[in-house]
């Protein structure tokens, strides 16, 4: 299929739900591998492996990835922010649960909506969008306070939660950089390659500087987790998402990001037996309401 559709058919809906499920499961997969693989080197291996697969894909499809189209400056900034984001996520997962992490990082779409008027003045928030934003930040702040009063993941849960919130800001910064630079008109594969290559180098270098060591041996479960993150999430699901954006209305497919924190919460509870507190469930609802609110058109 090459034509652009004006509505979501069953195939698109199934693909979007699959993407949301994979992205929600990703935090749990990273947490599983953290038991044997250090955080920054694991994140670097994930980016590096996906970059190799993307290079093969681009060569097969004859998609140019060279920076000669004026995208280098924006690509370097986007890649650096991307690296810092995943550094915060993988490092923070050592202190908090995967289900909490996915709720905190999905503040990013709301932060983008708040700051987008600085780039595009016509995209100002109005009415219900402001209410959604306030609900999201309020719910997340209440859940964050739980790390000081009744931490379920340990005494440093607050640190993991804080790193998740910082990751959300960095993710929003990456999105705004892409929108404000020449990357906005570049092939999505080129934008993704910048992020993968730069994050792989920075995260790998950071891990070595901090004294991280790749394990001499790792279990099949840890390797399967890393392979899932690399091949299925970072490579395949991102390419599928880009394809959907090209062929279906972006305003309609973006609503499905609401499902990602839901799947993330379920994955943490069912696969890792993480506790689901009332505050976290309320924060999830507030974030979902916020994403729905800011994505509405006046």
C-alpha atoms as a PDB file:
ATOM      1  CA  UNK A   1       0.000   0.000   0.000  1.00  0.00           C
ATOM      2  CA  UNK A   2       1.449   3.360  -1.042  1.00  0.00           C
ATOM      3  CA  UNK A   3      -1.552   5.738  -0.962  1.00  0.00           C
ATOM      4  CA  UNK A   4      -2.337   7.892   2.049  1.00  0.00           C
ATOM      5  CA  UNK A   5      -5.513   6.980   3.910  1.00  0.00           C
ATOM      6  CA  UNK A   6      -7.851   9.446   5.594  1.00  0.00           C
ATOM      7  CA  UNK A   7      -9.110   6.960   8.204  1.00  0.00           C
ATOM      8  CA  UNK A   8      -7.755   4.128  10.313  1.00  0.00           C
ATOM      9  CA  UNK A   9      -8.595   0.678   8.983  1.00  0.00           C
ATOM     10  CA  UNK A  10      -8.369  -2.555  10.972  1.00  0.00           C
ATOM     11  CA  UNK A  11      -4.781  -3.194   9.863  1.00  0.00           C
ATOM     12  CA  UNK A  12      -3.667   0.232  11.118  1.00  0.00           C
ATOM     13  CA  UNK A  13      -5.453  -0.195  14.444  1.00  0.00           C
ATOM     14  CA  UNK A  14      -3.820  -3.590  15.020  1.00  0.00           C
ATOM     15  CA  UNK A  15      -0.387  -2.160  14.159  1.00  0.00           C
ATOM     16  CA  UNK A  16      -0.865   0.800  16.500  1.00  0.00           C
ATOM     17  CA  UNK A  17      -1.982  -1.387  19.386  1.00  0.00           C
ATOM     18  CA  UNK A  18       1.026  -3.653  18.743  1.00  0.00           C
ATOM     19  CA  UNK A  19       3.407  -0.667  18.834  1.00  0.00           C
ATOM     20  CA  UNK A  20       1.909   0.591  22.099  1.00  0.00           C
ATOM     21  CA  UNK A  21       2.185  -2.891  23.647  1.00  0.00           C
ATOM     22  CA  UNK A  22       5.823  -3.274  22.573  1.00  0.00           C
ATOM     23  CA  UNK A  23       6.800   0.166  23.880  1.00  0.00           C
ATOM     24  CA  UNK A  24       5.044  -0.505  27.175  1.00  0.00           C
ATOM     25  CA  UNK A  25       6.811  -3.863  27.528  1.00  0.00           C
ATOM     26  CA  UNK A  26      10.196  -2.314  26.737  1.00  0.00           C
ATOM     27  CA  UNK A  27      10.780  -0.955  30.250  1.00  0.00           C
ATOM     28  CA  UNK A  28      10.155  -4.368  31.796  1.00  0.00           C
ATOM     29  CA  UNK A  29      12.540  -5.999  29.312  1.00  0.00           C
ATOM     30  CA  UNK A  30      15.272  -3.508  30.197  1.00  0.00           C
ATOM     31  CA  UNK A  31      14.685  -4.095  33.907  1.00  0.00           C
ATOM     32  CA  UNK A  32      15.035  -7.862  33.437  1.00  0.00           C
ATOM     33  CA  UNK A  33      18.379  -7.478  31.640  1.00  0.00           C
ATOM     34  CA  UNK A  34      19.671  -5.051  34.299  1.00  0.00           C
ATOM     35  CA  UNK A  35      20.099  -7.976  36.657  1.00  0.00           C
ATOM     36  CA  UNK A  36      23.051  -9.101  34.498  1.00  0.00           C
ATOM     37  CA  UNK A  37      23.912  -6.277  32.082  1.00  0.00           C
ATOM     38  CA  UNK A  38      25.001  -2.787  33.250  1.00  0.00           C
ATOM     39  CA  UNK A  39      22.594   0.048  32.382  1.00  0.00           C
ATOM     40  CA  UNK A  40      24.605   2.330  30.086  1.00  0.00           C
ATOM     41  CA  UNK A  41      26.388  -0.454  28.205  1.00  0.00           C
ATOM     42  CA  UNK A  42      23.078  -2.241  27.762  1.00  0.00           C
ATOM     43  CA  UNK A  43      21.506   0.914  26.321  1.00  0.00           C
ATOM     44  CA  UNK A  44      24.551   1.404  24.064  1.00  0.00           C
ATOM     45  CA  UNK A  45      24.331  -2.174  22.777  1.00  0.00           C
ATOM     46  CA  UNK A  46      20.640  -1.639  22.076  1.00  0.00           C
ATOM     47  CA  UNK A  47      21.301   1.490  20.019  1.00  0.00           C
ATOM     48  CA  UNK A  48      24.334   0.061  18.234  1.00  0.00           C
ATOM     49  CA  UNK A  49      22.588  -3.131  17.216  1.00  0.00           C
ATOM     50  CA  UNK A  50      19.540  -1.247  15.954  1.00  0.00           C
ATOM     51  CA  UNK A  51      21.830   1.114  13.970  1.00  0.00           C
ATOM     52  CA  UNK A  52      23.356  -1.866  12.145  1.00  0.00           C
ATOM     53  CA  UNK A  53      19.897  -3.174  11.261  1.00  0.00           C
ATOM     54  CA  UNK A  54      18.764   0.281  10.152  1.00  0.00           C
ATOM     55  CA  UNK A  55      21.829   0.694   7.930  1.00  0.00           C
ATOM     56  CA  UNK A  56      21.002  -2.619   6.266  1.00  0.00           C
ATOM     57  CA  UNK A  57      17.374  -1.553   5.798  1.00  0.00           C
ATOM     58  CA  UNK A  58      18.304   1.846   4.347  1.00  0.00           C
ATOM     59  CA  UNK A  59      20.745   0.228   1.930  1.00  0.00           C
ATOM     60  CA  UNK A  60      18.137  -2.281   0.833  1.00  0.00           C
ATOM     61  CA  UNK A  61      15.551   0.467   0.265  1.00  0.00           C
ATOM     62  CA  UNK A  62      18.114   2.917  -1.183  1.00  0.00           C
ATOM     63  CA  UNK A  63      17.338   5.536   1.473  1.00  0.00           C
ATOM     64  CA  UNK A  64      20.175   8.101   1.772  1.00  0.00           C
ATOM     65  CA  UNK A  65      21.454   8.593   5.311  1.00  0.00           C
ATOM     66  CA  UNK A  66      24.406  10.940   4.709  1.00  0.00           C
ATOM     67  CA  UNK A  67      24.309  14.310   6.545  1.00  0.00           C
ATOM     68  CA  UNK A  68      24.852  16.388   3.408  1.00  0.00           C
ATOM     69  CA  UNK A  69      21.292  17.768   3.421  1.00  0.00           C
ATOM     70  CA  UNK A  70      21.884  20.255   6.237  1.00  0.00           C
ATOM     71  CA  UNK A  71      20.643  17.974   9.007  1.00  0.00           C
ATOM     72  CA  UNK A  72      23.945  17.441  10.833  1.00  0.00           C
ATOM     73  CA  UNK A  73      23.500  20.189  13.418  1.00  0.00           C
ATOM     74  CA  UNK A  74      19.992  19.155  14.380  1.00  0.00           C
ATOM     75  CA  UNK A  75      20.973  15.487  14.219  1.00  0.00           C
ATOM     76  CA  UNK A  76      23.837  15.943  16.672  1.00  0.00           C
ATOM     77  CA  UNK A  77      21.578  17.723  19.167  1.00  0.00           C
ATOM     78  CA  UNK A  78      18.734  15.229  18.767  1.00  0.00           C
ATOM     79  CA  UNK A  79      21.146  12.321  19.156  1.00  0.00           C
ATOM     80  CA  UNK A  80      22.695  13.804  22.294  1.00  0.00           C
ATOM     81  CA  UNK A  81      19.284  14.380  23.889  1.00  0.00           C
ATOM     82  CA  UNK A  82      18.236  10.856  22.893  1.00  0.00           C
ATOM     83  CA  UNK A  83      21.357   9.434  24.555  1.00  0.00           C
ATOM     84  CA  UNK A  84      20.740  11.392  27.757  1.00  0.00           C
ATOM     85  CA  UNK A  85      17.100  10.294  27.798  1.00  0.00           C
ATOM     86  CA  UNK A  86      17.892   6.599  27.645  1.00  0.00           C
ATOM     87  CA  UNK A  87      20.779   7.006  30.036  1.00  0.00           C
ATOM     88  CA  UNK A  88      18.275   8.367  32.572  1.00  0.00           C
ATOM     89  CA  UNK A  89      15.781   5.580  31.853  1.00  0.00           C
ATOM     90  CA  UNK A  90      18.234   2.691  32.161  1.00  0.00           C
ATOM     91  CA  UNK A  91      19.987   4.198  35.170  1.00  0.00           C
ATOM     92  CA  UNK A  92      16.693   5.027  36.849  1.00  0.00           C
ATOM     93  CA  UNK A  93      15.339   1.497  36.412  1.00  0.00           C
ATOM     94  CA  UNK A  94      17.879   0.401  39.009  1.00  0.00           C
ATOM     95  CA  UNK A  95      15.961   2.355  41.666  1.00  0.00           C
ATOM     96  CA  UNK A  96      12.314   2.305  40.642  1.00  0.00           C
ATOM     97  CA  UNK A  97       9.908  -0.139  39.036  1.00  0.00           C
ATOM     98  CA  UNK A  98       9.336  -0.472  35.295  1.00  0.00           C
ATOM     99  CA  UNK A  99       5.648   0.333  35.761  1.00  0.00           C
ATOM    100  CA  UNK A 100       6.462   3.598  37.536  1.00  0.00           C
ATOM    101  CA  UNK A 101       9.108   4.511  34.963  1.00  0.00           C
ATOM    102  CA  UNK A 102       6.737   4.226  31.997  1.00  0.00           C
ATOM    103  CA  UNK A 103       4.200   6.527  33.664  1.00  0.00           C
ATOM    104  CA  UNK A 104       6.808   9.205  34.376  1.00  0.00           C
ATOM    105  CA  UNK A 105       8.415   9.197  30.921  1.00  0.00           C
ATOM    106  CA  UNK A 106       5.026   9.576  29.239  1.00  0.00           C
ATOM    107  CA  UNK A 107       4.870  13.098  30.545  1.00  0.00           C
ATOM    108  CA  UNK A 108       6.865  13.849  27.383  1.00  0.00           C
ATOM    109  CA  UNK A 109       3.902  14.411  24.988  1.00  0.00           C
ATOM    110  CA  UNK A 110       2.431  16.825  27.513  1.00  0.00           C
ATOM    111  CA  UNK A 111       5.700  18.748  27.857  1.00  0.00           C
ATOM    112  CA  UNK A 112       5.907  18.937  24.057  1.00  0.00           C
ATOM    113  CA  UNK A 113       2.413  20.413  23.913  1.00  0.00           C
ATOM    114  CA  UNK A 114       3.358  22.954  26.593  1.00  0.00           C
ATOM    115  CA  UNK A 115       6.527  24.100  24.806  1.00  0.00           C
ATOM    116  CA  UNK A 116       5.462  23.722  21.163  1.00  0.00           C
ATOM    117  CA  UNK A 117       4.147  27.329  20.958  1.00  0.00           C
ATOM    118  CA  UNK A 118       7.764  28.480  21.270  1.00  0.00           C
ATOM    119  CA  UNK A 119       8.351  26.842  17.866  1.00  0.00           C
ATOM    120  CA  UNK A 120       4.901  27.087  16.302  1.00  0.00           C
ATOM    121  CA  UNK A 121       2.837  29.957  17.800  1.00  0.00           C
ATOM    122  CA  UNK A 122      -0.346  28.618  16.199  1.00  0.00           C
ATOM    123  CA  UNK A 123      -0.212  25.483  18.391  1.00  0.00           C
ATOM    124  CA  UNK A 124      -1.116  27.167  21.667  1.00  0.00           C
ATOM    125  CA  UNK A 125      -3.013  25.297  24.345  1.00  0.00           C
ATOM    126  CA  UNK A 126      -6.621  26.179  24.955  1.00  0.00           C
ATOM    127  CA  UNK A 127      -9.409  25.217  27.336  1.00  0.00           C
ATOM    128  CA  UNK A 128      -9.523  21.465  27.894  1.00  0.00           C
ATOM    129  CA  UNK A 129      -5.875  21.146  26.848  1.00  0.00           C
ATOM    130  CA  UNK A 130      -4.773  23.202  29.842  1.00  0.00           C
ATOM    131  CA  UNK A 131      -7.010  21.124  32.107  1.00  0.00           C
ATOM    132  CA  UNK A 132      -5.466  17.933  30.767  1.00  0.00           C
ATOM    133  CA  UNK A 133      -1.974  19.297  31.304  1.00  0.00           C
ATOM    134  CA  UNK A 134      -2.759  20.344  34.880  1.00  0.00           C
ATOM    135  CA  UNK A 135      -4.290  16.933  35.641  1.00  0.00           C
ATOM    136  CA  UNK A 136      -1.241  15.096  34.319  1.00  0.00           C
ATOM    137  CA  UNK A 137       1.302  17.121  36.263  1.00  0.00           C
ATOM    138  CA  UNK A 138      -0.812  16.991  39.415  1.00  0.00           C
ATOM    139  CA  UNK A 139      -1.231  13.217  39.275  1.00  0.00           C
ATOM    140  CA  UNK A 140       2.445  12.594  38.599  1.00  0.00           C
ATOM    141  CA  UNK A 141       3.509  14.958  41.414  1.00  0.00           C
ATOM    142  CA  UNK A 142       1.278  13.067  43.845  1.00  0.00           C
ATOM    143  CA  UNK A 143       2.722   9.722  42.721  1.00  0.00           C
ATOM    144  CA  UNK A 144       6.264  11.111  43.008  1.00  0.00           C
ATOM    145  CA  UNK A 145       5.642  12.087  46.632  1.00  0.00           C
ATOM    146  CA  UNK A 146       5.016   8.410  47.359  1.00  0.00           C
ATOM    147  CA  UNK A 147       8.766   7.837  47.022  1.00  0.00           C
ATOM    148  CA  UNK A 148       9.309   9.798  50.242  1.00  0.00           C
ATOM    149  CA  UNK A 149       6.344   8.563  52.293  1.00  0.00           C
ATOM    150  CA  UNK A 150       5.874   4.893  51.265  1.00  0.00           C
ATOM    151  CA  UNK A 151       8.378   3.756  48.641  1.00  0.00           C
ATOM    152  CA  UNK A 152       7.457   0.323  47.280  1.00  0.00           C
ATOM    153  CA  UNK A 153      10.699  -0.109  45.306  1.00  0.00           C
ATOM    154  CA  UNK A 154      13.181   0.857  48.009  1.00  0.00           C
ATOM    155  CA  UNK A 155      14.576   3.922  49.715  1.00  0.00           C
ATOM    156  CA  UNK A 156      15.890   5.422  46.471  1.00  0.00           C
ATOM    157  CA  UNK A 157      12.643   5.065  44.548  1.00  0.00           C
ATOM    158  CA  UNK A 158      12.444   8.854  44.447  1.00  0.00           C
ATOM    159  CA  UNK A 159      15.727   8.925  42.492  1.00  0.00           C
ATOM    160  CA  UNK A 160      14.465   6.486  39.864  1.00  0.00           C
ATOM    161  CA  UNK A 161      11.199   8.422  39.577  1.00  0.00           C
ATOM    162  CA  UNK A 162      13.116  11.689  39.211  1.00  0.00           C
ATOM    163  CA  UNK A 163      15.291  10.216  36.454  1.00  0.00           C
ATOM    164  CA  UNK A 164      12.107   9.117  34.682  1.00  0.00           C
ATOM    165  CA  UNK A 165      10.775  12.674  34.820  1.00  0.00           C
ATOM    166  CA  UNK A 166      14.103  14.032  33.516  1.00  0.00           C
ATOM    167  CA  UNK A 167      13.938  11.462  30.699  1.00  0.00           C
ATOM    168  CA  UNK A 168      10.492  12.831  29.788  1.00  0.00           C
ATOM    169  CA  UNK A 169      11.934  16.355  29.515  1.00  0.00           C
ATOM    170  CA  UNK A 170      14.783  15.067  27.351  1.00  0.00           C
ATOM    171  CA  UNK A 171      12.395  13.115  25.119  1.00  0.00           C
ATOM    172  CA  UNK A 172      10.332  16.270  24.682  1.00  0.00           C
ATOM    173  CA  UNK A 173      13.529  18.158  23.840  1.00  0.00           C
ATOM    174  CA  UNK A 174      14.354  15.603  21.157  1.00  0.00           C
ATOM    175  CA  UNK A 175      10.894  15.975  19.631  1.00  0.00           C
ATOM    176  CA  UNK A 176      11.101  19.765  19.633  1.00  0.00           C
ATOM    177  CA  UNK A 177      14.607  19.674  18.131  1.00  0.00           C
ATOM    178  CA  UNK A 178      13.396  17.508  15.271  1.00  0.00           C
ATOM    179  CA  UNK A 179      10.409  19.787  14.702  1.00  0.00           C
ATOM    180  CA  UNK A 180      12.471  23.002  14.778  1.00  0.00           C
ATOM    181  CA  UNK A 181      15.400  21.821  12.617  1.00  0.00           C
ATOM    182  CA  UNK A 182      15.858  20.511   9.093  1.00  0.00           C
ATOM    183  CA  UNK A 183      15.237  17.042  10.475  1.00  0.00           C
ATOM    184  CA  UNK A 184      11.537  17.844  10.137  1.00  0.00           C
ATOM    185  CA  UNK A 185      11.864  17.404   6.373  1.00  0.00           C
ATOM    186  CA  UNK A 186      14.420  14.581   6.420  1.00  0.00           C
ATOM    187  CA  UNK A 187      13.653  10.895   5.981  1.00  0.00           C
ATOM    188  CA  UNK A 188      12.583   9.377   9.311  1.00  0.00           C
ATOM    189  CA  UNK A 189      15.268   6.717   8.881  1.00  0.00           C
ATOM    190  CA  UNK A 190      17.939   9.419   8.789  1.00  0.00           C
ATOM    191  CA  UNK A 191      16.589  11.038  11.950  1.00  0.00           C
ATOM    192  CA  UNK A 192      16.519   7.692  13.728  1.00  0.00           C
ATOM    193  CA  UNK A 193      20.060   6.866  12.565  1.00  0.00           C
ATOM    194  CA  UNK A 194      21.406  10.083  14.101  1.00  0.00           C
ATOM    195  CA  UNK A 195      19.826   9.133  17.408  1.00  0.00           C
ATOM    196  CA  UNK A 196      21.048   5.540  17.334  1.00  0.00           C
ATOM    197  CA  UNK A 197      24.644   6.257  16.327  1.00  0.00           C
ATOM    198  CA  UNK A 198      25.186   9.167  18.691  1.00  0.00           C
ATOM    199  CA  UNK A 199      23.454   7.504  21.622  1.00  0.00           C
ATOM    200  CA  UNK A 200      25.395   4.296  21.068  1.00  0.00           C
ATOM    201  CA  UNK A 201      28.706   6.163  21.180  1.00  0.00           C
ATOM    202  CA  UNK A 202      27.828   8.433  24.132  1.00  0.00           C
ATOM    203  CA  UNK A 203      26.199   5.747  26.248  1.00  0.00           C
ATOM    204  CA  UNK A 204      28.992   3.291  25.572  1.00  0.00           C
ATOM    205  CA  UNK A 205      31.623   5.873  26.436  1.00  0.00           C
ATOM    206  CA  UNK A 206      29.739   6.904  29.553  1.00  0.00           C
ATOM    207  CA  UNK A 207      29.451   3.321  30.710  1.00  0.00           C
ATOM    208  CA  UNK A 208      33.185   2.708  30.311  1.00  0.00           C
ATOM    209  CA  UNK A 209      34.043   5.944  32.133  1.00  0.00           C
ATOM    210  CA  UNK A 210      31.838   4.885  35.041  1.00  0.00           C
ATOM    211  CA  UNK A 211      33.608   1.547  35.227  1.00  0.00           C
ATOM    212  CA  UNK A 212      30.855  -0.625  33.803  1.00  0.00           C
ATOM    213  CA  UNK A 213      31.903  -4.030  32.479  1.00  0.00           C
ATOM    214  CA  UNK A 214      30.112  -6.285  30.028  1.00  0.00           C
ATOM    215  CA  UNK A 215      29.414  -9.620  31.719  1.00  0.00           C
ATOM    216  CA  UNK A 216      31.610 -12.548  30.729  1.00  0.00           C
ATOM    217  CA  UNK A 217      28.494 -14.697  30.741  1.00  0.00           C
ATOM    218  CA  UNK A 218      24.808 -13.861  30.676  1.00  0.00           C
ATOM    219  CA  UNK A 219      21.674 -15.954  30.799  1.00  0.00           C
ATOM    220  CA  UNK A 220      19.486 -16.651  27.815  1.00  0.00           C
ATOM    221  CA  UNK A 221      16.790 -14.492  29.375  1.00  0.00           C
ATOM    222  CA  UNK A 222      19.100 -11.462  29.510  1.00  0.00           C
ATOM    223  CA  UNK A 223      20.177 -11.938  25.892  1.00  0.00           C
ATOM    224  CA  UNK A 224      16.562 -12.430  24.804  1.00  0.00           C
ATOM    225  CA  UNK A 225      15.630  -9.211  26.596  1.00  0.00           C
ATOM    226  CA  UNK A 226      18.387  -7.282  24.826  1.00  0.00           C
ATOM    227  CA  UNK A 227      17.446  -8.807  21.460  1.00  0.00           C
ATOM    228  CA  UNK A 228      13.803  -7.834  22.016  1.00  0.00           C
ATOM    229  CA  UNK A 229      14.760  -4.242  22.804  1.00  0.00           C
ATOM    230  CA  UNK A 230      17.108  -4.018  19.813  1.00  0.00           C
ATOM    231  CA  UNK A 231      15.359  -5.882  17.003  1.00  0.00           C
ATOM    232  CA  UNK A 232      11.681  -5.691  17.866  1.00  0.00           C
ATOM    233  CA  UNK A 233      11.352  -2.334  19.647  1.00  0.00           C
ATOM    234  CA  UNK A 234      14.139  -0.019  18.499  1.00  0.00           C
ATOM    235  CA  UNK A 235      14.310  -1.250  14.905  1.00  0.00           C
ATOM    236  CA  UNK A 236      11.071  -2.924  13.787  1.00  0.00           C
ATOM    237  CA  UNK A 237       8.454  -1.027  15.811  1.00  0.00           C
ATOM    238  CA  UNK A 238       9.988   2.383  15.046  1.00  0.00           C
ATOM    239  CA  UNK A 239      10.033   1.638  11.318  1.00  0.00           C
ATOM    240  CA  UNK A 240       6.426   0.436  11.521  1.00  0.00           C
ATOM    241  CA  UNK A 241       5.465   3.651  13.325  1.00  0.00           C
ATOM    242  CA  UNK A 242       7.148   5.783  10.658  1.00  0.00           C
ATOM    243  CA  UNK A 243       5.300   3.845   7.961  1.00  0.00           C
ATOM    244  CA  UNK A 244       1.988   4.448   9.746  1.00  0.00           C
ATOM    245  CA  UNK A 245       2.723   8.172  10.048  1.00  0.00           C
ATOM    246  CA  UNK A 246       3.356   8.321   6.301  1.00  0.00           C
ATOM    247  CA  UNK A 247       0.115   6.555   5.365  1.00  0.00           C
ATOM    248  CA  UNK A 248      -2.438   7.567   8.010  1.00  0.00           C
ATOM    249  CA  UNK A 249      -3.474  10.859   9.699  1.00  0.00           C
ATOM    250  CA  UNK A 250      -0.968  11.705  12.432  1.00  0.00           C
ATOM    251  CA  UNK A 251      -3.648  13.274  14.626  1.00  0.00           C
ATOM    252  CA  UNK A 252      -5.551   9.976  14.712  1.00  0.00           C
ATOM    253  CA  UNK A 253      -2.642   7.631  15.273  1.00  0.00           C
ATOM    254  CA  UNK A 254      -1.149   9.801  18.039  1.00  0.00           C
ATOM    255  CA  UNK A 255      -4.135   8.988  20.259  1.00  0.00           C
ATOM    256  CA  UNK A 256      -2.878   5.416  20.523  1.00  0.00           C
ATOM    257  CA  UNK A 257       0.109   6.579  22.585  1.00  0.00           C
ATOM    258  CA  UNK A 258      -2.408   6.634  25.442  1.00  0.00           C
ATOM    259  CA  UNK A 259      -2.171   2.843  25.497  1.00  0.00           C
ATOM    260  CA  UNK A 260       1.595   2.677  26.057  1.00  0.00           C
ATOM    261  CA  UNK A 261       1.686   3.548  29.784  1.00  0.00           C
ATOM    262  CA  UNK A 262      -1.284   1.223  30.297  1.00  0.00           C
ATOM    263  CA  UNK A 263       0.594  -1.683  28.710  1.00  0.00           C
ATOM    264  CA  UNK A 264       3.719  -0.687  30.642  1.00  0.00           C
ATOM    265  CA  UNK A 265       1.857  -0.788  33.931  1.00  0.00           C
ATOM    266  CA  UNK A 266       0.337  -4.180  33.120  1.00  0.00           C
ATOM    267  CA  UNK A 267       3.690  -5.615  32.012  1.00  0.00           C
ATOM    268  CA  UNK A 268       5.380  -4.557  35.234  1.00  0.00           C
ATOM    269  CA  UNK A 269       2.599  -6.014  37.361  1.00  0.00           C
ATOM    270  CA  UNK A 270       2.114  -9.286  35.474  1.00  0.00           C
ATOM    271  CA  UNK A 271       5.690 -10.116  34.434  1.00  0.00           C
ATOM    272  CA  UNK A 272       7.748  -8.589  37.237  1.00  0.00           C
ATOM    273  CA  UNK A 273       5.108  -8.736  40.001  1.00  0.00           C
ATOM    274  CA  UNK A 274       5.580  -5.047  40.724  1.00  0.00           C
ATOM    275  CA  UNK A 275       3.145  -3.447  43.187  1.00  0.00           C
ATOM    276  CA  UNK A 276       0.398  -1.234  41.807  1.00  0.00           C
ATOM    277  CA  UNK A 277      -0.373   1.498  44.315  1.00  0.00           C
ATOM    278  CA  UNK A 278      -3.437   3.710  44.265  1.00  0.00           C
ATOM    279  CA  UNK A 279      -1.276   6.786  43.662  1.00  0.00           C
ATOM    280  CA  UNK A 280       0.415   5.182  40.636  1.00  0.00           C
ATOM    281  CA  UNK A 281      -2.921   4.158  39.129  1.00  0.00           C
ATOM    282  CA  UNK A 282      -4.212   7.695  39.634  1.00  0.00           C
ATOM    283  CA  UNK A 283      -1.068   9.087  38.002  1.00  0.00           C
ATOM    284  CA  UNK A 284      -1.601   6.749  35.043  1.00  0.00           C
ATOM    285  CA  UNK A 285      -5.140   8.012  34.621  1.00  0.00           C
ATOM    286  CA  UNK A 286      -3.979  11.617  34.928  1.00  0.00           C
ATOM    287  CA  UNK A 287      -1.254  11.154  32.301  1.00  0.00           C
ATOM    288  CA  UNK A 288      -3.693   9.433  29.935  1.00  0.00           C
ATOM    289  CA  UNK A 289      -6.178  12.266  30.449  1.00  0.00           C
ATOM    290  CA  UNK A 290      -3.416  14.797  29.832  1.00  0.00           C
ATOM    291  CA  UNK A 291      -2.284  13.173  26.577  1.00  0.00           C
ATOM    292  CA  UNK A 292      -5.892  12.991  25.415  1.00  0.00           C
ATOM    293  CA  UNK A 293      -6.511  16.617  26.369  1.00  0.00           C
ATOM    294  CA  UNK A 294      -3.458  18.173  24.753  1.00  0.00           C
ATOM    295  CA  UNK A 295      -3.972  16.158  21.553  1.00  0.00           C
ATOM    296  CA  UNK A 296      -7.440  17.581  21.036  1.00  0.00           C
ATOM    297  CA  UNK A 297      -7.892  20.207  18.340  1.00  0.00           C
ATOM    298  CA  UNK A 298      -9.867  23.338  19.162  1.00  0.00           C
END
